[in-house]
Amino acid sequence: MFEEIFFPKTAEKYRAASLFDERARYLRHLKEVGTLRSTLRKRANDHLNLVRILNLKAGDRVTLPQIEAAANVWSQPMGRRWKKAASAKARQQFINRSIDWLRFIGWLDEPERKRLPHHDEVAIFEEWLRHERGLSETTVGDYCRTADRFLTSLAEKSMALTTVRMVDIDDAIAAEHKRGVFNRRTVHDYAQRLRSFLLFAEAKGLCRRGLAAGVMAPGFMADEAVPKGLKRSDALRLLASVRGERPVDKRDLAILMLFVVYGLRAGEVAGLTLDDLDWENALLRVRCPKPGRTHLWPLSQEVGQALLHYIRNARPSGFGRNLFFTAIAPVCPLGRKALGKTVCDRLAAIGILTGRRGPHALRHAAAQHLLDQGMPMKVIGDFLGHRDPSSTAVYAKVNLAALREVAALDLEGLV
């Protein structure tokens, strides 16, 4: 295996080192899934350094603290056998690659996740939200995290859900302020989710009745705060910064144009497939994370060109119908978190390090741009796929002709 990625003299060094079989087996696996030769060399080097630093022997179990300690040694000039220390990003990559290898060969000693006393309650609540209320995975996650935080706070006080009083609920909501959540809208949403959990708990006999009715979410005006997004100039600068010819640049440009031009959500971009591109009619089919809702957006020429350039010249083939994939092995579809990291990394590269930095910042920027151009709120709501009937109409009646005007206007100056 090592002869395939190194010159003979270097390959001999890797063959002669400890744990030859374990290292070679993982590299063969990576090669089979399409990993580049340059990446294989980096992985092989990391594995060898980990073996050397920890003096690993056959059958050893390695903990996460040991890997982090090894990374600290490796990141220093002497550990890397390099002139300067490794960056924080390089150190984390060393940790991640070490974890991947050790997990593959079964040597990673991962602590079992502690089972909390309220695990069953949250699991039942999750099933109810998903199957009875039909909420999206993102919304289900938000509700379950709220329930988990609330029940964890009770456990810390050695308090059972059956004994909860209204004052305990007030304390939980007040604790959100102490955590740094000062926005009234954010606390309002937390209180609403907590009330939903208490209604569920009452119906299941898990707590005394009447608690949910007593949860008063802080009031707020819908327009009391303007959502923070990027400035228009920053959005243009962001697109201009990814005009390279690397495959990852072509992919990221297509992704960022979908965020900047259409204001799509991360979950919507993650769910796109090749079948969602209707080239003949210049339409983009977007499945909203909410169940049973699909929207059609006009596919502008510039966005279509960016997508086509990516598909023809950078998109990995043979891994399914998903539109966007990871740029390094193992090749897999890009999820919401990976898309968020892509946006954050690209923003950081142009010096935007403060404020809201995820895909939602680009969504707010798209909305603000349309508003600045004098577009009616109804059209903006349709363009962004807003669900609230007070700001948009029924999705089935979206006017594609009007949306084409918005798309064309939004692209002015972008390309």
Protein backbone atom coordinates (compact mmCIF):
# COMPACT_ATOMS: atom_id res chain seq x y z
CA MET A 1 0.00 0.00 0.00
CA PHE A 2 2.71 2.48 0.99
CA GLU A 3 4.60 1.86 -2.29
CA GLU A 4 1.57 3.29 -4.11
CA ILE A 5 1.75 6.69 -2.41
CA PHE A 6 5.45 7.16 -1.50
CA PHE A 7 8.82 6.82 -3.18
CA PRO A 8 10.52 3.46 -2.39
CA LYS A 9 12.85 4.77 0.32
CA THR A 10 10.05 6.60 2.15
CA ALA A 11 7.66 3.67 1.73
CA GLU A 12 10.18 1.39 3.43
CA LYS A 13 10.18 3.66 6.49
CA TYR A 14 6.39 3.43 6.76
CA ARG A 15 6.44 -0.34 6.27
CA ALA A 16 9.04 -0.87 8.96
CA ALA A 17 7.18 1.12 11.62
CA SER A 18 4.88 -0.41 14.23
CA LEU A 19 1.28 -1.40 13.45
CA PHE A 20 1.90 -1.83 9.73
CA ASP A 21 -1.25 -3.90 9.15
CA GLU A 22 -3.55 -1.52 11.03
CA ARG A 23 -2.22 1.52 9.21
CA ALA A 24 -2.22 -0.10 5.77
CA ARG A 25 -5.76 -1.50 6.19
CA TYR A 26 -7.23 1.93 6.83
CA LEU A 27 -5.34 3.50 3.92
CA ARG A 28 -6.66 0.79 1.59
CA HIS A 29 -10.16 1.60 2.78
CA LEU A 30 -9.64 5.30 2.05
CA LYS A 31 -8.28 4.52 -1.40
CA GLU A 32 -11.33 2.37 -2.21
CA VAL A 33 -13.67 5.28 -1.46
CA GLY A 34 -11.77 7.61 -3.76
CA THR A 35 -9.34 9.45 -1.48
CA LEU A 36 -6.69 11.43 -3.33
CA ARG A 37 -3.08 10.28 -3.19
CA SER A 38 -2.00 13.53 -1.53
CA THR A 39 -4.59 13.01 1.21
CA LEU A 40 -3.47 9.42 1.71
CA ARG A 41 0.07 10.65 2.31
CA LYS A 42 -1.13 13.13 4.93
CA ARG A 43 -3.16 10.44 6.68
CA ALA A 44 -0.25 8.00 6.64
CA ASN A 45 2.02 10.66 8.14
CA ASP A 46 -0.48 11.47 10.91
CA HIS A 47 -0.90 7.80 11.80
CA LEU A 48 2.83 7.27 11.99
CA ASN A 49 3.27 10.33 14.20
CA LEU A 50 0.51 9.15 16.54
CA VAL A 51 2.10 5.70 16.82
CA ARG A 52 5.49 7.26 17.54
CA ILE A 53 4.28 9.82 20.09
CA LEU A 54 2.05 7.40 22.06
CA ASN A 55 4.34 4.38 21.48
CA LEU A 56 1.30 2.35 20.44
CA LYS A 57 1.37 -1.44 20.51
CA ALA A 58 -1.05 -4.02 19.14
CA GLY A 59 -4.29 -4.09 21.10
CA ASP A 60 -3.86 -0.74 22.86
CA ARG A 61 -6.95 1.28 23.73
CA VAL A 62 -6.58 5.01 23.15
CA THR A 63 -8.66 7.69 24.86
CA LEU A 64 -9.58 11.12 23.54
CA PRO A 65 -7.38 12.87 26.17
CA GLN A 66 -4.41 10.80 24.96
CA ILE A 67 -5.05 11.87 21.37
CA GLU A 68 -5.27 15.52 22.41
CA ALA A 69 -2.03 15.20 24.37
CA ALA A 70 -0.35 13.65 21.33
CA ALA A 71 -1.66 16.51 19.21
CA ASN A 72 -0.06 19.01 21.60
CA VAL A 73 3.29 17.30 21.17
CA TRP A 74 2.88 16.96 17.40
CA SER A 75 1.91 20.61 16.94
CA GLN A 76 5.22 21.84 18.35
CA PRO A 77 8.16 22.33 15.94
CA MET A 78 10.13 19.42 17.38
CA GLY A 79 7.10 17.13 17.32
CA ARG A 80 6.36 17.98 13.69
CA ARG A 81 10.05 18.11 12.78
CA TRP A 82 9.22 21.42 11.20
CA LYS A 83 10.42 25.00 11.62
CA LYS A 84 7.26 26.41 13.17
CA ALA A 85 4.36 25.25 15.32
CA ALA A 86 1.17 23.96 13.73
CA SER A 87 -1.90 26.15 13.53
CA ALA A 88 -4.96 25.43 15.65
CA LYS A 89 -6.74 24.18 12.53
CA ALA A 90 -3.89 21.77 11.67
CA ARG A 91 -3.86 20.50 15.26
CA GLN A 92 -7.59 19.79 15.11
CA GLN A 93 -7.18 18.01 11.79
CA PHE A 94 -4.53 15.79 13.37
CA ILE A 95 -6.97 14.94 16.17
CA ASN A 96 -9.83 14.23 13.76
CA ARG A 97 -7.71 12.02 11.52
CA SER A 98 -6.38 10.10 14.50
CA ILE A 99 -9.90 9.54 15.80
CA ASP A 100 -11.09 8.32 12.38
CA TRP A 101 -8.26 5.79 12.14
CA LEU A 102 -8.56 4.46 15.69
CA ARG A 103 -12.33 4.21 15.41
CA PHE A 104 -11.96 2.29 12.13
CA ILE A 105 -9.63 -0.31 13.65
CA GLY A 106 -11.66 -0.48 16.86
CA TRP A 107 -9.02 0.91 19.23
CA LEU A 108 -10.73 4.16 20.23
CA ASP A 109 -11.79 4.10 23.87
CA GLU A 110 -14.90 6.29 23.75
CA PRO A 111 -16.81 6.80 26.99
CA GLU A 112 -20.42 5.71 26.83
CA ARG A 113 -22.84 8.57 26.83
CA LYS A 114 -24.24 8.99 30.29
CA ARG A 115 -27.90 8.07 30.41
CA LEU A 116 -29.72 10.92 32.10
CA PRO A 117 -32.70 10.25 34.39
CA HIS A 118 -35.01 12.10 32.01
CA HIS A 119 -33.82 10.31 28.86
CA ASP A 120 -37.11 8.43 28.42
CA GLU A 121 -39.26 11.55 28.77
CA VAL A 122 -37.30 13.40 26.08
CA ALA A 123 -37.34 10.35 23.77
CA ILE A 124 -41.13 10.04 24.04
CA PHE A 125 -41.52 13.78 23.51
CA GLU A 126 -39.34 13.53 20.41
CA GLU A 127 -41.49 10.76 18.94
CA TRP A 128 -44.64 12.76 19.64
CA LEU A 129 -43.26 15.87 17.93
CA ARG A 130 -42.12 13.92 14.89
CA HIS A 131 -45.10 11.61 14.35
CA GLU A 132 -48.05 13.35 15.98
CA ARG A 133 -47.25 16.97 15.11
CA GLY A 134 -45.24 16.28 11.97
CA LEU A 135 -42.54 18.86 12.73
CA SER A 136 -39.26 19.10 10.82
CA GLU A 137 -36.07 17.56 12.19
CA THR A 138 -34.66 21.01 12.93
CA THR A 139 -37.73 22.05 14.92
CA VAL A 140 -37.86 18.72 16.74
CA GLY A 141 -34.23 19.23 17.75
CA ASP A 142 -34.96 22.74 19.09
CA TYR A 143 -37.91 21.53 21.16
CA CYS A 144 -36.01 18.53 22.54
CA ARG A 145 -33.01 20.67 23.53
CA THR A 146 -35.35 22.98 25.44
CA ALA A 147 -36.94 20.03 27.23
CA ASP A 148 -33.52 18.53 27.95
CA ARG A 149 -32.20 21.81 29.43
CA PHE A 150 -35.28 22.20 31.59
CA LEU A 151 -35.18 18.61 32.88
CA THR A 152 -31.42 18.83 33.44
CA SER A 153 -31.93 21.91 35.62
CA LEU A 154 -34.48 19.95 37.65
CA ALA A 155 -32.08 17.02 38.03
CA GLU A 156 -29.37 19.36 39.32
CA LYS A 157 -31.80 20.37 42.08
CA SER A 158 -32.76 16.72 42.72
CA MET A 159 -36.30 17.61 41.71
CA ALA A 160 -38.74 15.31 39.91
CA LEU A 161 -40.98 16.54 37.11
CA THR A 162 -44.03 15.45 39.09
CA THR A 163 -43.19 17.94 41.85
CA VAL A 164 -42.50 20.98 39.64
CA ARG A 165 -44.20 24.22 40.64
CA MET A 166 -44.78 27.39 38.67
CA VAL A 167 -41.93 29.12 40.47
CA ASP A 168 -39.53 26.44 39.19
CA ILE A 169 -40.62 27.15 35.62
CA ASP A 170 -40.14 30.87 36.15
CA ASP A 171 -36.64 30.14 37.42
CA ALA A 172 -35.87 28.09 34.31
CA ILE A 173 -36.94 30.91 32.01
CA ALA A 174 -34.98 33.44 34.09
CA ALA A 175 -31.93 31.19 33.79
CA GLU A 176 -32.00 31.78 30.03
CA HIS A 177 -31.22 35.43 30.73
CA LYS A 178 -28.30 34.40 32.92
CA ARG A 179 -26.99 32.26 30.05
CA GLY A 180 -26.74 35.43 28.00
CA VAL A 181 -30.03 35.15 26.13
CA PHE A 182 -31.24 38.75 26.38
CA ASN A 183 -33.21 39.01 23.14
CA ARG A 184 -36.92 38.98 23.94
CA ARG A 185 -37.71 37.01 20.81
CA THR A 186 -35.27 34.28 21.81
CA VAL A 187 -36.69 34.02 25.34
CA HIS A 188 -40.20 34.10 23.86
CA ASP A 189 -39.37 31.10 21.64
CA TYR A 190 -37.81 29.23 24.58
CA ALA A 191 -40.92 29.79 26.70
CA GLN A 192 -43.18 28.66 23.85
CA ARG A 193 -41.21 25.44 23.43
CA LEU A 194 -41.21 24.82 27.16
CA ARG A 195 -44.98 25.33 27.26
CA SER A 196 -45.36 22.78 24.47
CA PHE A 197 -43.34 20.25 26.46
CA LEU A 198 -45.41 20.87 29.59
CA LEU A 199 -48.65 20.39 27.64
CA PHE A 200 -47.27 17.06 26.46
CA ALA A 201 -46.17 16.15 30.00
CA GLU A 202 -49.62 17.00 31.39
CA ALA A 203 -51.32 14.82 28.76
CA LYS A 204 -49.02 11.90 29.66
CA GLY A 205 -49.50 12.37 33.41
CA LEU A 206 -45.82 13.29 33.92
CA CYS A 207 -46.53 16.53 35.80
CA ARG A 208 -49.38 18.32 37.56
CA ARG A 209 -52.02 19.94 35.38
CA GLY A 210 -52.22 23.67 34.80
CA LEU A 211 -48.50 24.37 34.57
CA ALA A 212 -48.45 24.94 30.81
CA ALA A 213 -51.24 27.51 31.05
CA GLY A 214 -49.16 29.49 33.51
CA VAL A 215 -46.15 29.86 31.18
CA MET A 216 -46.26 33.42 29.89
CA ALA A 217 -43.88 34.05 27.02
CA PRO A 218 -42.42 37.57 26.98
CA GLY A 219 -44.22 39.75 24.47
CA PHE A 220 -42.44 41.37 21.56
CA MET A 221 -43.27 43.36 18.46
CA ALA A 222 -42.65 41.50 15.23
CA ASP A 223 -40.66 44.43 13.84
CA GLU A 224 -39.01 45.69 17.00
CA ALA A 225 -35.61 44.44 15.84
CA VAL A 226 -34.26 44.12 12.35
CA PRO A 227 -32.52 40.75 11.79
CA LYS A 228 -28.78 41.16 11.47
CA GLY A 229 -27.26 40.08 8.23
CA LEU A 230 -24.30 40.90 6.03
CA LYS A 231 -23.98 44.18 4.22
CA ARG A 232 -24.55 44.03 0.50
CA SER A 233 -20.92 44.92 -0.13
CA ASP A 234 -19.81 42.01 2.08
CA ALA A 235 -22.04 39.59 0.16
CA LEU A 236 -20.50 40.73 -3.11
CA ARG A 237 -17.01 40.46 -1.63
CA LEU A 238 -17.80 36.95 -0.46
CA LEU A 239 -18.81 35.79 -3.94
CA ALA A 240 -15.78 37.45 -5.50
CA SER A 241 -13.46 35.62 -3.09
CA VAL A 242 -14.35 32.15 -4.40
CA ARG A 243 -13.61 32.61 -8.10
CA GLY A 244 -10.81 30.04 -8.11
CA GLU A 245 -10.52 26.96 -10.32
CA ARG A 246 -10.13 24.38 -7.57
CA PRO A 247 -13.02 21.88 -7.33
CA VAL A 248 -13.84 23.15 -3.85
CA ASP A 249 -14.01 26.74 -5.17
CA LYS A 250 -16.47 25.74 -7.89
CA ARG A 251 -18.60 23.90 -5.34
CA ASP A 252 -18.54 26.69 -2.78
CA LEU A 253 -19.40 29.36 -5.36
CA ALA A 254 -22.52 27.42 -6.37
CA ILE A 255 -23.49 26.99 -2.70
CA LEU A 256 -22.91 30.63 -1.79
CA MET A 257 -24.89 31.87 -4.79
CA LEU A 258 -27.88 29.81 -3.66
CA PHE A 259 -27.63 31.39 -0.20
CA VAL A 260 -26.97 34.95 -1.35
CA VAL A 261 -29.32 35.11 -4.32
CA TYR A 262 -32.26 33.04 -3.11
CA GLY A 263 -31.84 33.29 0.66
CA LEU A 264 -32.29 29.53 1.03
CA ARG A 265 -32.00 27.81 4.38
CA ALA A 266 -29.11 25.42 5.05
CA GLY A 267 -31.48 22.46 5.23
CA GLU A 268 -32.95 23.35 1.85
CA VAL A 269 -29.55 23.50 0.15
CA ALA A 270 -28.48 20.25 1.84
CA GLY A 271 -31.57 18.52 0.45
CA LEU A 272 -31.01 19.49 -3.19
CA THR A 273 -30.47 16.72 -5.75
CA LEU A 274 -29.70 16.64 -9.46
CA ASP A 275 -33.37 15.92 -10.09
CA ASP A 276 -34.32 19.29 -8.56
CA LEU A 277 -32.76 21.18 -11.46
CA ASP A 278 -35.26 21.65 -14.28
CA TRP A 279 -32.95 22.96 -16.99
CA GLU A 280 -35.60 22.96 -19.71
CA ASN A 281 -37.96 25.28 -17.80
CA ALA A 282 -35.23 27.14 -15.84
CA LEU A 283 -36.67 26.14 -12.46
CA LEU A 284 -35.17 25.06 -9.16
CA ARG A 285 -37.20 22.69 -6.99
CA VAL A 286 -36.60 23.23 -3.28
CA ARG A 287 -37.93 20.93 -0.59
CA CYS A 288 -38.53 22.81 2.63
CA PRO A 289 -37.55 20.90 5.79
CA LYS A 290 -41.20 21.13 6.83
CA PRO A 291 -42.98 17.92 5.67
CA GLY A 292 -44.92 17.96 2.44
CA ARG A 293 -43.85 21.39 1.15
CA THR A 294 -42.00 21.83 -2.12
CA HIS A 295 -41.39 25.18 -3.82
CA LEU A 296 -40.35 26.14 -7.33
CA TRP A 297 -37.91 29.01 -7.74
CA PRO A 298 -36.87 30.55 -11.08
CA LEU A 299 -33.35 29.41 -11.95
CA SER A 300 -31.48 32.50 -13.13
CA GLN A 301 -28.87 32.20 -15.84
CA GLU A 302 -25.94 33.16 -13.59
CA VAL A 303 -26.84 30.75 -10.82
CA GLY A 304 -27.52 28.05 -13.39
CA GLN A 305 -24.09 28.58 -14.92
CA ALA A 306 -22.39 28.30 -11.53
CA LEU A 307 -24.28 25.05 -10.79
CA LEU A 308 -23.53 23.63 -14.24
CA HIS A 309 -19.84 24.52 -13.96
CA TYR A 310 -19.68 22.70 -10.63
CA ILE A 311 -21.60 19.64 -11.85
CA ARG A 312 -19.49 19.22 -14.98
CA ASN A 313 -16.06 19.98 -13.54
CA ALA A 314 -16.04 19.41 -9.77
CA ARG A 315 -18.92 17.26 -8.52
CA PRO A 316 -17.85 13.70 -7.58
CA SER A 317 -19.62 11.04 -9.66
CA GLY A 318 -20.86 7.65 -8.58
CA PHE A 319 -21.95 8.65 -5.05
CA GLY A 320 -25.67 9.24 -5.54
CA ARG A 321 -28.03 11.96 -6.73
CA ASN A 322 -27.29 14.56 -4.04
CA LEU A 323 -26.10 17.86 -5.49
CA PHE A 324 -23.30 18.78 -3.08
CA PHE A 325 -20.62 16.48 -1.65
CA THR A 326 -17.57 16.80 0.56
CA ALA A 327 -14.36 17.77 -1.21
CA ILE A 328 -12.19 15.19 0.61
CA ALA A 329 -12.67 11.53 1.41
CA PRO A 330 -14.71 9.90 2.62
CA VAL A 331 -17.02 11.42 0.01
CA CYS A 332 -20.51 11.99 1.38
CA PRO A 333 -23.36 14.49 0.91
CA LEU A 334 -22.91 17.87 2.58
CA GLY A 335 -25.23 18.31 5.56
CA ARG A 336 -26.50 21.41 7.32
CA LYS A 337 -23.53 21.63 9.68
CA ALA A 338 -20.99 21.20 6.88
CA LEU A 339 -22.71 23.92 4.86
CA GLY A 340 -22.66 26.21 7.88
CA LYS A 341 -18.95 25.59 8.34
CA THR A 342 -18.34 26.30 4.65
CA VAL A 343 -20.03 29.69 4.94
CA CYS A 344 -18.25 30.54 8.20
CA ASP A 345 -14.83 29.59 6.80
CA ARG A 346 -15.38 31.63 3.66
CA LEU A 347 -16.52 34.65 5.67
CA ALA A 348 -13.54 34.34 8.00
CA ALA A 349 -11.25 34.26 4.96
CA ILE A 350 -12.39 37.77 3.98
CA GLY A 351 -12.11 39.06 7.53
CA ILE A 352 -15.73 38.84 8.71
CA LEU A 353 -15.34 37.41 12.19
CA THR A 354 -18.15 39.01 14.19
CA GLY A 355 -21.92 38.95 14.23
CA ARG A 356 -24.19 36.31 12.74
CA ARG A 357 -21.96 34.26 10.45
CA GLY A 358 -23.90 31.24 9.23
CA PRO A 359 -26.08 30.68 6.16
CA HIS A 360 -28.85 32.59 7.90
CA ALA A 361 -26.73 35.73 7.72
CA LEU A 362 -26.81 35.40 3.94
CA ARG A 363 -30.56 34.78 4.07
CA HIS A 364 -31.06 38.00 6.02
CA ALA A 365 -28.80 39.82 3.56
CA ALA A 366 -30.99 38.62 0.66
CA ALA A 367 -34.14 39.77 2.44
CA GLN A 368 -32.66 43.17 3.29
CA HIS A 369 -31.51 43.70 -0.29
CA LEU A 370 -34.98 43.00 -1.67
CA LEU A 371 -36.49 45.32 0.91
CA ASP A 372 -34.03 48.08 -0.03
CA GLN A 373 -35.04 47.66 -3.68
CA GLY A 374 -38.67 48.41 -2.77
CA MET A 375 -40.06 44.93 -3.29
CA PRO A 376 -43.46 44.33 -1.64
CA MET A 377 -43.38 42.26 1.56
CA LYS A 378 -45.69 39.71 -0.07
CA VAL A 379 -43.22 39.06 -2.90
CA ILE A 380 -40.28 38.95 -0.50
CA GLY A 381 -42.13 36.46 1.69
CA ASP A 382 -42.84 34.25 -1.32
CA PHE A 383 -39.24 34.49 -2.49
CA LEU A 384 -37.87 33.46 0.91
CA GLY A 385 -40.50 30.78 1.49
CA HIS A 386 -41.90 32.30 4.67
CA ARG A 387 -44.60 30.24 6.31
CA ASP A 388 -46.35 32.92 8.36
CA PRO A 389 -49.61 33.87 6.59
CA SER A 390 -49.22 37.42 7.83
CA SER A 391 -46.17 37.91 5.61
CA THR A 392 -46.84 35.58 2.71
CA ALA A 393 -49.61 33.81 0.84
CA VAL A 394 -50.29 30.16 0.16
CA TYR A 395 -47.22 28.59 -1.43
CA ALA A 396 -49.22 26.85 -4.11
CA LYS A 397 -50.15 30.28 -5.52
CA VAL A 398 -46.64 31.73 -5.79
CA ASN A 399 -46.36 33.91 -8.88
CA LEU A 400 -43.34 32.61 -10.78
CA ALA A 401 -43.32 35.61 -13.10
CA ALA A 402 -42.98 37.98 -10.15
CA LEU A 403 -40.28 35.81 -8.63
CA ARG A 404 -38.30 35.91 -11.88
CA GLU A 405 -38.21 39.70 -11.57
CA VAL A 406 -36.92 39.36 -8.01
CA ALA A 407 -34.23 36.85 -9.05
CA ALA A 408 -33.06 39.06 -11.90
CA LEU A 409 -32.97 42.10 -9.64
CA ASP A 410 -31.14 40.26 -6.90
CA LEU A 411 -28.39 39.20 -9.27
CA GLU A 412 -27.49 42.72 -10.31
CA GLY A 413 -23.80 43.22 -9.65
CA LEU A 414 -23.22 39.69 -8.33
CA VAL A 415 -21.51 38.32 -11.41
